[in-house]
Amino acid sequence: MFLPTESLYAEVLRRPGLAELVQREFRIMIAGPATLAALLNSLNVGFQKLAIQKRSAEIWKLLGAVKTQFNTFSKLLESVQKKLNDASSAMEKAAKRE
């Protein structure tokens, strides 16, 4: 709740427990002219952090998929290398027989 004057904001804060009660029971944050910018900045930082956490989870998931694909590709390359070595050995044996 925005209180447009500092004197009104100060009056609400002067009453013991009023601001805490309103926030706890009704989930309303009270802000005055001097505190509104800080409150909005704090909310903005919180939302940015939430967006970054969401994106980082997506990136970790993508990196896991890349790692799996890279392992599959590595196994495929090992298989191709073995077959090429076998073919090279067969060529050497054939060349020695002549």
PDB file of N, CA and C in Angstrom:
ATOM      1  N   MET A   1       0.854  -1.147   0.000  1.00  0.00           N
ATOM      2  CA  MET A   1       0.000   0.000   0.000  1.00  0.00           C
ATOM      3  C   MET A   1       0.916   1.231   0.000  1.00  0.00           C
ATOM      4  N   PHE A   2       0.672   2.117  -0.940  1.00  0.00           N
ATOM      5  CA  PHE A   2       1.480   3.322  -1.033  1.00  0.00           C
ATOM      6  C   PHE A   2       0.799   4.438  -0.260  1.00  0.00           C
ATOM      7  N   LEU A   3       1.535   4.999   0.678  1.00  0.00           N
ATOM      8  CA  LEU A   3       1.050   6.160   1.421  1.00  0.00           C
ATOM      9  C   LEU A   3       1.759   7.383   0.839  1.00  0.00           C
ATOM     10  N   PRO A   4       1.012   8.324   0.256  1.00  0.00           N
ATOM     11  CA  PRO A   4       1.616   9.372  -0.561  1.00  0.00           C
ATOM     12  C   PRO A   4       2.415  10.437   0.186  1.00  0.00           C
ATOM     13  N   THR A   5       2.315  10.504   1.483  1.00  0.00           N
ATOM     14  CA  THR A   5       3.092  11.516   2.214  1.00  0.00           C
ATOM     15  C   THR A   5       3.920  10.838   3.294  1.00  0.00           C
ATOM     16  N   GLU A   6       5.066  11.421   3.555  1.00  0.00           N
ATOM     17  CA  GLU A   6       5.951  10.870   4.579  1.00  0.00           C
ATOM     18  C   GLU A   6       5.313  10.947   5.963  1.00  0.00           C
ATOM     19  N   SER A   7       4.535  11.984   6.214  1.00  0.00           N
ATOM     20  CA  SER A   7       3.916  12.124   7.538  1.00  0.00           C
ATOM     21  C   SER A   7       2.899  11.012   7.781  1.00  0.00           C
ATOM     22  N   LEU A   8       2.126  10.655   6.777  1.00  0.00           N
ATOM     23  CA  LEU A   8       1.159   9.561   6.910  1.00  0.00           C
ATOM     24  C   LEU A   8       1.890   8.236   7.109  1.00  0.00           C
ATOM     25  N   TYR A   9       2.945   8.022   6.339  1.00  0.00           N
ATOM     26  CA  TYR A   9       3.755   6.813   6.476  1.00  0.00           C
ATOM     27  C   TYR A   9       4.376   6.735   7.873  1.00  0.00           C
ATOM     28  N   ALA A  10       4.886   7.857   8.348  1.00  0.00           N
ATOM     29  CA  ALA A  10       5.483   7.897   9.685  1.00  0.00           C
ATOM     30  C   ALA A  10       4.440   7.614  10.759  1.00  0.00           C
ATOM     31  N   GLU A  11       3.221   8.080  10.563  1.00  0.00           N
ATOM     32  CA  GLU A  11       2.148   7.850  11.547  1.00  0.00           C
ATOM     33  C   GLU A  11       1.804   6.357  11.624  1.00  0.00           C
ATOM     34  N   VAL A  12       1.757   5.708  10.484  1.00  0.00           N
ATOM     35  CA  VAL A  12       1.469   4.266  10.479  1.00  0.00           C
ATOM     36  C   VAL A  12       2.598   3.508  11.175  1.00  0.00           C
ATOM     37  N   LEU A  13       3.830   3.874  10.895  1.00  0.00           N
ATOM     38  CA  LEU A  13       4.961   3.194  11.520  1.00  0.00           C
ATOM     39  C   LEU A  13       5.084   3.517  13.013  1.00  0.00           C
ATOM     40  N   ARG A  14       4.556   4.666  13.427  1.00  0.00           N
ATOM     41  CA  ARG A  14       4.638   5.061  14.822  1.00  0.00           C
ATOM     42  C   ARG A  14       3.768   4.170  15.713  1.00  0.00           C
ATOM     43  N   ARG A  15       2.693   3.661  15.171  1.00  0.00           N
ATOM     44  CA  ARG A  15       1.801   2.793  15.957  1.00  0.00           C
ATOM     45  C   ARG A  15       2.448   1.410  16.076  1.00  0.00           C
ATOM     46  N   PRO A  16       2.687   0.952  17.291  1.00  0.00           N
ATOM     47  CA  PRO A  16       3.400  -0.316  17.506  1.00  0.00           C
ATOM     48  C   PRO A  16       2.667  -1.523  16.897  1.00  0.00           C
ATOM     49  N   GLY A  17       3.371  -2.246  16.043  1.00  0.00           N
ATOM     50  CA  GLY A  17       2.850  -3.492  15.492  1.00  0.00           C
ATOM     51  C   GLY A  17       1.868  -3.352  14.354  1.00  0.00           C
ATOM     52  N   LEU A  18       1.461  -2.136  13.981  1.00  0.00           N
ATOM     53  CA  LEU A  18       0.451  -1.971  12.925  1.00  0.00           C
ATOM     54  C   LEU A  18       0.976  -2.436  11.566  1.00  0.00           C
ATOM     55  N   ALA A  19       2.158  -1.976  11.202  1.00  0.00           N
ATOM     56  CA  ALA A  19       2.716  -2.357   9.897  1.00  0.00           C
ATOM     57  C   ALA A  19       2.938  -3.864   9.819  1.00  0.00           C
ATOM     58  N   GLU A  20       3.439  -4.459  10.886  1.00  0.00           N
ATOM     59  CA  GLU A  20       3.672  -5.910  10.899  1.00  0.00           C
ATOM     60  C   GLU A  20       2.358  -6.685  10.820  1.00  0.00           C
ATOM     61  N   LEU A  21       1.338  -6.196  11.525  1.00  0.00           N
ATOM     62  CA  LEU A  21       0.029  -6.855  11.505  1.00  0.00           C
ATOM     63  C   LEU A  21      -0.571  -6.825  10.105  1.00  0.00           C
ATOM     64  N   VAL A  22      -0.536  -5.662   9.470  1.00  0.00           N
ATOM     65  CA  VAL A  22      -1.093  -5.525   8.120  1.00  0.00           C
ATOM     66  C   VAL A  22      -0.347  -6.436   7.145  1.00  0.00           C
ATOM     67  N   GLN A  23       0.976  -6.496   7.306  1.00  0.00           N
ATOM     68  CA  GLN A  23       1.760  -7.333   6.396  1.00  0.00           C
ATOM     69  C   GLN A  23       1.494  -8.816   6.650  1.00  0.00           C
ATOM     70  N   ARG A  24       1.441  -9.220   7.888  1.00  0.00           N
ATOM     71  CA  ARG A  24       1.269 -10.631   8.220  1.00  0.00           C
ATOM     72  C   ARG A  24      -0.148 -11.118   7.935  1.00  0.00           C
ATOM     73  N   GLU A  25      -1.144 -10.366   8.367  1.00  0.00           N
ATOM     74  CA  GLU A  25      -2.537 -10.806   8.252  1.00  0.00           C
ATOM     75  C   GLU A  25      -3.122 -10.605   6.849  1.00  0.00           C
ATOM     76  N   PHE A  26      -2.779  -9.493   6.216  1.00  0.00           N
ATOM     77  CA  PHE A  26      -3.411  -9.160   4.940  1.00  0.00           C
ATOM     78  C   PHE A  26      -2.448  -9.224   3.758  1.00  0.00           C
ATOM     79  N   ARG A  27      -1.181  -9.538   4.053  1.00  0.00           N
ATOM     80  CA  ARG A  27      -0.156  -9.623   3.016  1.00  0.00           C
ATOM     81  C   ARG A  27      -0.053  -8.324   2.215  1.00  0.00           C
ATOM     82  N   ILE A  28      -0.047  -7.223   2.924  1.00  0.00           N
ATOM     83  CA  ILE A  28       0.065  -5.898   2.313  1.00  0.00           C
ATOM     84  C   ILE A  28       1.332  -5.244   2.854  1.00  0.00           C
ATOM     85  N   MET A  29       2.173  -4.807   1.953  1.00  0.00           N
ATOM     86  CA  MET A  29       3.379  -4.086   2.358  1.00  0.00           C
ATOM     87  C   MET A  29       3.074  -2.596   2.287  1.00  0.00           C
ATOM     88  N   ILE A  30       3.470  -1.884   3.296  1.00  0.00           N
ATOM     89  CA  ILE A  30       3.239  -0.449   3.350  1.00  0.00           C
ATOM     90  C   ILE A  30       4.518   0.257   2.917  1.00  0.00           C
ATOM     91  N   ALA A  31       4.363   1.232   2.016  1.00  0.00           N
ATOM     92  CA  ALA A  31       5.519   1.972   1.518  1.00  0.00           C
ATOM     93  C   ALA A  31       5.186   3.456   1.463  1.00  0.00           C
ATOM     94  N   GLY A  32       6.160   4.254   1.789  1.00  0.00           N
ATOM     95  CA  GLY A  32       6.034   5.706   1.678  1.00  0.00           C
ATOM     96  C   GLY A  32       6.809   6.184   0.469  1.00  0.00           C
ATOM     97  N   PRO A  33       6.807   7.486   0.222  1.00  0.00           N
ATOM     98  CA  PRO A  33       7.517   8.020  -0.951  1.00  0.00           C
ATOM     99  C   PRO A  33       9.008   7.675  -0.960  1.00  0.00           C
ATOM    100  N   ALA A  34       9.639   7.658   0.190  1.00  0.00           N
ATOM    101  CA  ALA A  34      11.078   7.382   0.237  1.00  0.00           C
ATOM    102  C   ALA A  34      11.385   5.899   0.122  1.00  0.00           C
ATOM    103  N   THR A  35      10.481   5.045   0.514  1.00  0.00           N
ATOM    104  CA  THR A  35      10.757   3.605   0.513  1.00  0.00           C
ATOM    105  C   THR A  35      10.189   2.882  -0.697  1.00  0.00           C
ATOM    106  N   LEU A  36       9.352   3.544  -1.481  1.00  0.00           N
ATOM    107  CA  LEU A  36       8.728   2.876  -2.628  1.00  0.00           C
ATOM    108  C   LEU A  36       9.775   2.439  -3.658  1.00  0.00           C
ATOM    109  N   ALA A  37      10.728   3.297  -3.968  1.00  0.00           N
ATOM    110  CA  ALA A  37      11.753   2.939  -4.960  1.00  0.00           C
ATOM    111  C   ALA A  37      12.576   1.750  -4.489  1.00  0.00           C
ATOM    112  N   ALA A  38      12.940   1.737  -3.209  1.00  0.00           N
ATOM    113  CA  ALA A  38      13.715   0.608  -2.682  1.00  0.00           C
ATOM    114  C   ALA A  38      12.903  -0.678  -2.727  1.00  0.00           C
ATOM    115  N   LEU A  39      11.619  -0.595  -2.414  1.00  0.00           N
ATOM    116  CA  LEU A  39      10.743  -1.768  -2.443  1.00  0.00           C
ATOM    117  C   LEU A  39      10.607  -2.312  -3.867  1.00  0.00           C
ATOM    118  N   LEU A  40      10.383  -1.410  -4.818  1.00  0.00           N
ATOM    119  CA  LEU A  40      10.251  -1.836  -6.219  1.00  0.00           C
ATOM    120  C   LEU A  40      11.563  -2.411  -6.752  1.00  0.00           C
ATOM    121  N   ASN A  41      12.681  -1.821  -6.381  1.00  0.00           N
ATOM    122  CA  ASN A  41      13.981  -2.338  -6.798  1.00  0.00           C
ATOM    123  C   ASN A  41      14.206  -3.734  -6.231  1.00  0.00           C
ATOM    124  N   SER A  42      13.841  -3.930  -4.981  1.00  0.00           N
ATOM    125  CA  SER A  42      13.984  -5.247  -4.354  1.00  0.00           C
ATOM    126  C   SER A  42      13.132  -6.296  -5.063  1.00  0.00           C
ATOM    127  N   LEU A  43      11.918  -5.933  -5.401  1.00  0.00           N
ATOM    128  CA  LEU A  43      11.050  -6.866  -6.135  1.00  0.00           C
ATOM    129  C   LEU A  43      11.627  -7.179  -7.512  1.00  0.00           C
ATOM    130  N   ASN A  44      12.153  -6.163  -8.180  1.00  0.00           N
ATOM    131  CA  ASN A  44      12.737  -6.359  -9.506  1.00  0.00           C
ATOM    132  C   ASN A  44      13.917  -7.328  -9.442  1.00  0.00           C
ATOM    133  N   VAL A  45      14.784  -7.153  -8.461  1.00  0.00           N
ATOM    134  CA  VAL A  45      15.932  -8.055  -8.301  1.00  0.00           C
ATOM    135  C   VAL A  45      15.459  -9.481  -8.041  1.00  0.00           C
ATOM    136  N   GLY A  46      14.428  -9.621  -7.229  1.00  0.00           N
ATOM    137  CA  GLY A  46      13.884 -10.949  -6.948  1.00  0.00           C
ATOM    138  C   GLY A  46      13.358 -11.631  -8.198  1.00  0.00           C
ATOM    139  N   PHE A  47      12.635 -10.893  -9.026  1.00  0.00           N
ATOM    140  CA  PHE A  47      12.101 -11.472 -10.257  1.00  0.00           C
ATOM    141  C   PHE A  47      13.214 -11.816 -11.239  1.00  0.00           C
ATOM    142  N   GLN A  48      14.252 -10.977 -11.298  1.00  0.00           N
ATOM    143  CA  GLN A  48      15.388 -11.287 -12.173  1.00  0.00           C
ATOM    144  C   GLN A  48      16.096 -12.548 -11.711  1.00  0.00           C
ATOM    145  N   LYS A  49      16.257 -12.698 -10.402  1.00  0.00           N
ATOM    146  CA  LYS A  49      16.908 -13.894  -9.865  1.00  0.00           C
ATOM    147  C   LYS A  49      16.086 -15.137 -10.203  1.00  0.00           C
ATOM    148  N   LEU A  50      14.782 -15.035 -10.090  1.00  0.00           N
ATOM    149  CA  LEU A  50      13.908 -16.155 -10.421  1.00  0.00           C
ATOM    150  C   LEU A  50      14.042 -16.539 -11.890  1.00  0.00           C
ATOM    151  N   ALA A  51      14.094 -15.539 -12.771  1.00  0.00           N
ATOM    152  CA  ALA A  51      14.249 -15.814 -14.204  1.00  0.00           C
ATOM    153  C   ALA A  51      15.594 -16.468 -14.490  1.00  0.00           C
ATOM    154  N   ILE A  52      16.642 -16.006 -13.816  1.00  0.00           N
ATOM    155  CA  ILE A  52      17.973 -16.592 -14.015  1.00  0.00           C
ATOM    156  C   ILE A  52      17.997 -18.038 -13.540  1.00  0.00           C
ATOM    157  N   GLN A  53      17.370 -18.311 -12.404  1.00  0.00           N
ATOM    158  CA  GLN A  53      17.325 -19.693 -11.901  1.00  0.00           C
ATOM    159  C   GLN A  53      16.592 -20.600 -12.876  1.00  0.00           C
ATOM    160  N   LYS A  54      15.506 -20.102 -13.441  1.00  0.00           N
ATOM    161  CA  LYS A  54      14.746 -20.905 -14.398  1.00  0.00           C
ATOM    162  C   LYS A  54      15.592 -21.204 -15.634  1.00  0.00           C
ATOM    163  N   ARG A  55      16.273 -20.177 -16.154  1.00  0.00           N
ATOM    164  CA  ARG A  55      17.111 -20.370 -17.335  1.00  0.00           C
ATOM    165  C   ARG A  55      18.293 -21.286 -17.041  1.00  0.00           C
ATOM    166  N   SER A  56      18.866 -21.170 -15.844  1.00  0.00           N
ATOM    167  CA  SER A  56      20.015 -22.021 -15.522  1.00  0.00           C
ATOM    168  C   SER A  56      19.592 -23.480 -15.440  1.00  0.00           C
ATOM    169  N   ALA A  57      18.389 -23.752 -14.952  1.00  0.00           N
ATOM    170  CA  ALA A  57      17.893 -25.132 -14.922  1.00  0.00           C
ATOM    171  C   ALA A  57      17.736 -25.668 -16.349  1.00  0.00           C
ATOM    172  N   GLU A  58      17.245 -24.825 -17.249  1.00  0.00           N
ATOM    173  CA  GLU A  58      17.111 -25.241 -18.646  1.00  0.00           C
ATOM    174  C   GLU A  58      18.478 -25.500 -19.270  1.00  0.00           C
ATOM    175  N   ILE A  59      19.448 -24.672 -18.941  1.00  0.00           N
ATOM    176  CA  ILE A  59      20.800 -24.832 -19.496  1.00  0.00           C
ATOM    177  C   ILE A  59      21.434 -26.114 -18.985  1.00  0.00           C
ATOM    178  N   TRP A  60      21.275 -26.413 -17.688  1.00  0.00           N
ATOM    179  CA  TRP A  60      21.826 -27.665 -17.148  1.00  0.00           C
ATOM    180  C   TRP A  60      21.193 -28.873 -17.840  1.00  0.00           C
ATOM    181  N   LYS A  61      19.916 -28.793 -18.111  1.00  0.00           N
ATOM    182  CA  LYS A  61      19.223 -29.888 -18.798  1.00  0.00           C
ATOM    183  C   LYS A  61      19.789 -30.062 -20.209  1.00  0.00           C
ATOM    184  N   LEU A  62      19.994 -28.945 -20.904  1.00  0.00           N
ATOM    185  CA  LEU A  62      20.551 -28.989 -22.254  1.00  0.00           C
ATOM    186  C   LEU A  62      21.981 -29.524 -22.236  1.00  0.00           C
ATOM    187  N   LEU A  63      22.777 -29.098 -21.264  1.00  0.00           N
ATOM    188  CA  LEU A  63      24.152 -29.603 -21.163  1.00  0.00           C
ATOM    189  C   LEU A  63      24.173 -31.109 -20.882  1.00  0.00           C
ATOM    190  N   GLY A  64      23.232 -31.594 -20.106  1.00  0.00           N
ATOM    191  CA  GLY A  64      23.130 -33.041 -19.871  1.00  0.00           C
ATOM    192  C   GLY A  64      22.852 -33.790 -21.157  1.00  0.00           C
ATOM    193  N   ALA A  65      21.956 -33.230 -21.980  1.00  0.00           N
ATOM    194  CA  ALA A  65      21.653 -33.864 -23.268  1.00  0.00           C
ATOM    195  C   ALA A  65      22.867 -33.823 -24.185  1.00  0.00           C
ATOM    196  N   VAL A  66      23.598 -32.730 -24.200  1.00  0.00           N
ATOM    197  CA  VAL A  66      24.809 -32.620 -25.030  1.00  0.00           C
ATOM    198  C   VAL A  66      25.844 -33.635 -24.570  1.00  0.00           C
ATOM    199  N   LYS A  67      26.007 -33.784 -23.261  1.00  0.00           N
ATOM    200  CA  LYS A  67      26.971 -34.758 -22.740  1.00  0.00           C
ATOM    201  C   LYS A  67      26.604 -36.176 -23.186  1.00  0.00           C
ATOM    202  N   THR A  68      25.339 -36.512 -23.124  1.00  0.00           N
ATOM    203  CA  THR A  68      24.887 -37.832 -23.559  1.00  0.00           C
ATOM    204  C   THR A  68      25.184 -38.040 -25.043  1.00  0.00           C
ATOM    205  N   GLN A  69      24.865 -37.037 -25.856  1.00  0.00           N
ATOM    206  CA  GLN A  69      25.129 -37.142 -27.297  1.00  0.00           C
ATOM    207  C   GLN A  69      26.634 -37.241 -27.579  1.00  0.00           C
ATOM    208  N   PHE A  70      27.432 -36.494 -26.824  1.00  0.00           N
ATOM    209  CA  PHE A  70      28.883 -36.532 -27.023  1.00  0.00           C
ATOM    210  C   PHE A  70      29.433 -37.907 -26.667  1.00  0.00           C
ATOM    211  N   ASN A  71      28.922 -38.519 -25.585  1.00  0.00           N
ATOM    212  CA  ASN A  71      29.362 -39.870 -25.221  1.00  0.00           C
ATOM    213  C   ASN A  71      28.996 -40.875 -26.311  1.00  0.00           C
ATOM    214  N   THR A  72      27.801 -40.743 -26.873  1.00  0.00           N
ATOM    215  CA  THR A  72      27.378 -41.628 -27.960  1.00  0.00           C
ATOM    216  C   THR A  72      28.285 -41.442 -29.179  1.00  0.00           C
ATOM    217  N   PHE A  73      28.585 -40.188 -29.511  1.00  0.00           N
ATOM    218  CA  PHE A  73      29.460 -39.888 -30.644  1.00  0.00           C
ATOM    219  C   PHE A  73      30.862 -40.431 -30.405  1.00  0.00           C
ATOM    220  N   SER A  74      31.348 -40.327 -29.181  1.00  0.00           N
ATOM    221  CA  SER A  74      32.675 -40.836 -28.835  1.00  0.00           C
ATOM    222  C   SER A  74      32.739 -42.348 -29.026  1.00  0.00           C
ATOM    223  N   LYS A  75      31.716 -43.065 -28.605  1.00  0.00           N
ATOM    224  CA  LYS A  75      31.675 -44.518 -28.782  1.00  0.00           C
ATOM    225  C   LYS A  75      31.635 -44.875 -30.266  1.00  0.00           C
ATOM    226  N   LEU A  76      30.881 -44.111 -31.026  1.00  0.00           N
ATOM    227  CA  LEU A  76      30.805 -44.343 -32.468  1.00  0.00           C
ATOM    228  C   LEU A  76      32.170 -44.125 -33.122  1.00  0.00           C
ATOM    229  N   LEU A  77      32.884 -43.073 -32.722  1.00  0.00           N
ATOM    230  CA  LEU A  77      34.219 -42.817 -33.275  1.00  0.00           C
ATOM    231  C   LEU A  77      35.197 -43.932 -32.901  1.00  0.00           C
ATOM    232  N   GLU A  78      35.111 -44.453 -31.681  1.00  0.00           N
ATOM    233  CA  GLU A  78      35.968 -45.568 -31.278  1.00  0.00           C
ATOM    234  C   GLU A  78      35.703 -46.784 -32.149  1.00  0.00           C
ATOM    235  N   SER A  79      34.432 -47.045 -32.437  1.00  0.00           N
ATOM    236  CA  SER A  79      34.066 -48.181 -33.292  1.00  0.00           C
ATOM    237  C   SER A  79      34.614 -47.996 -34.708  1.00  0.00           C
ATOM    238  N   VAL A  80      34.494 -46.788 -35.243  1.00  0.00           N
ATOM    239  CA  VAL A  80      35.010 -46.504 -36.589  1.00  0.00           C
ATOM    240  C   VAL A  80      36.525 -46.643 -36.606  1.00  0.00           C
ATOM    241  N   GLN A  81      37.191 -46.141 -35.561  1.00  0.00           N
ATOM    242  CA  GLN A  81      38.650 -46.241 -35.496  1.00  0.00           C
ATOM    243  C   GLN A  81      39.083 -47.703 -35.452  1.00  0.00           C
ATOM    244  N   LYS A  82      38.373 -48.533 -34.699  1.00  0.00           N
ATOM    245  CA  LYS A  82      38.710 -49.964 -34.630  1.00  0.00           C
ATOM    246  C   LYS A  82      38.558 -50.610 -36.000  1.00  0.00           C
ATOM    247  N   LYS A  83      37.475 -50.275 -36.704  1.00  0.00           N
ATOM    248  CA  LYS A  83      37.255 -50.858 -38.026  1.00  0.00           C
ATOM    249  C   LYS A  83      38.316 -50.382 -39.022  1.00  0.00           C
ATOM    250  N   LEU A  84      38.714 -49.111 -38.901  1.00  0.00           N
ATOM    251  CA  LEU A  84      39.772 -48.606 -39.785  1.00  0.00           C
ATOM    252  C   LEU A  84      41.105 -49.293 -39.496  1.00  0.00           C
ATOM    253  N   ASN A  85      41.396 -49.528 -38.227  1.00  0.00           N
ATOM    254  CA  ASN A  85      42.624 -50.243 -37.876  1.00  0.00           C
ATOM    255  C   ASN A  85      42.586 -51.674 -38.398  1.00  0.00           C
ATOM    256  N   ASP A  86      41.428 -52.324 -38.286  1.00  0.00           N
ATOM    257  CA  ASP A  86      41.281 -53.681 -38.819  1.00  0.00           C
ATOM    258  C   ASP A  86      41.483 -53.691 -40.328  1.00  0.00           C
ATOM    259  N   ALA A  87      40.902 -52.709 -41.008  1.00  0.00           N
ATOM    260  CA  ALA A  87      41.056 -52.632 -42.469  1.00  0.00           C
ATOM    261  C   ALA A  87      42.510 -52.356 -42.835  1.00  0.00           C
ATOM    262  N   SER A  88      43.178 -51.519 -42.073  1.00  0.00           N
ATOM    263  CA  SER A  88      44.585 -51.218 -42.339  1.00  0.00           C
ATOM    264  C   SER A  88      45.445 -52.466 -42.146  1.00  0.00           C
ATOM    265  N   SER A  89      45.159 -53.226 -41.106  1.00  0.00           N
ATOM    266  CA  SER A  89      45.896 -54.473 -40.867  1.00  0.00           C
ATOM    267  C   SER A  89      45.665 -55.460 -42.001  1.00  0.00           C
ATOM    268  N   ALA A  90      44.439 -55.558 -42.446  1.00  0.00           N
ATOM    269  CA  ALA A  90      44.131 -56.467 -43.553  1.00  0.00           C
ATOM    270  C   ALA A  90      44.859 -56.040 -44.824  1.00  0.00           C
ATOM    271  N   MET A  91      44.936 -54.727 -45.056  1.00  0.00           N
ATOM    272  CA  MET A  91      45.657 -54.234 -46.236  1.00  0.00           C
ATOM    273  C   MET A  91      47.153 -54.567 -46.136  1.00  0.00           C
ATOM    274  N   GLU A  92      47.743 -54.430 -44.942  1.00  0.00           N
ATOM    275  CA  GLU A  92      49.156 -54.738 -44.765  1.00  0.00           C
ATOM    276  C   GLU A  92      49.414 -56.216 -45.003  1.00  0.00           C
ATOM    277  N   LYS A  93      48.514 -57.075 -44.475  1.00  0.00           N
ATOM    278  CA  LYS A  93      48.683 -58.518 -44.674  1.00  0.00           C
ATOM    279  C   LYS A  93      48.571 -58.873 -46.158  1.00  0.00           C
ATOM    280  N   ALA A  94      47.636 -58.232 -46.840  1.00  0.00           N
ATOM    281  CA  ALA A  94      47.463 -58.502 -48.271  1.00  0.00           C
ATOM    282  C   ALA A  94      48.699 -58.032 -49.047  1.00  0.00           C
ATOM    283  N   ALA A  95      49.277 -56.936 -48.643  1.00  0.00           N
ATOM    284  CA  ALA A  95      50.458 -56.422 -49.346  1.00  0.00           C
ATOM    285  C   ALA A  95      51.666 -57.323 -49.128  1.00  0.00           C
ATOM    286  N   LYS A  96      51.784 -57.946 -47.969  1.00  0.00           N
ATOM    287  CA  LYS A  96      52.917 -58.825 -47.670  1.00  0.00           C
ATOM    288  C   LYS A  96      52.813 -60.150 -48.422  1.00  0.00           C
ATOM    289  N   ARG A  97      51.652 -60.571 -48.765  1.00  0.00           N
ATOM    290  CA  ARG A  97      51.460 -61.866 -49.451  1.00  0.00           C
ATOM    291  C   ARG A  97      51.889 -61.795 -50.900  1.00  0.00           C
ATOM    292  N   GLU A  98      51.951 -60.681 -51.472  1.00  0.00           N
ATOM    293  CA  GLU A  98      52.281 -60.588 -52.900  1.00  0.00           C
ATOM    294  C   GLU A  98      53.694 -60.773 -53.176  1.00  0.00           C
TER     295      GLU A  98
END
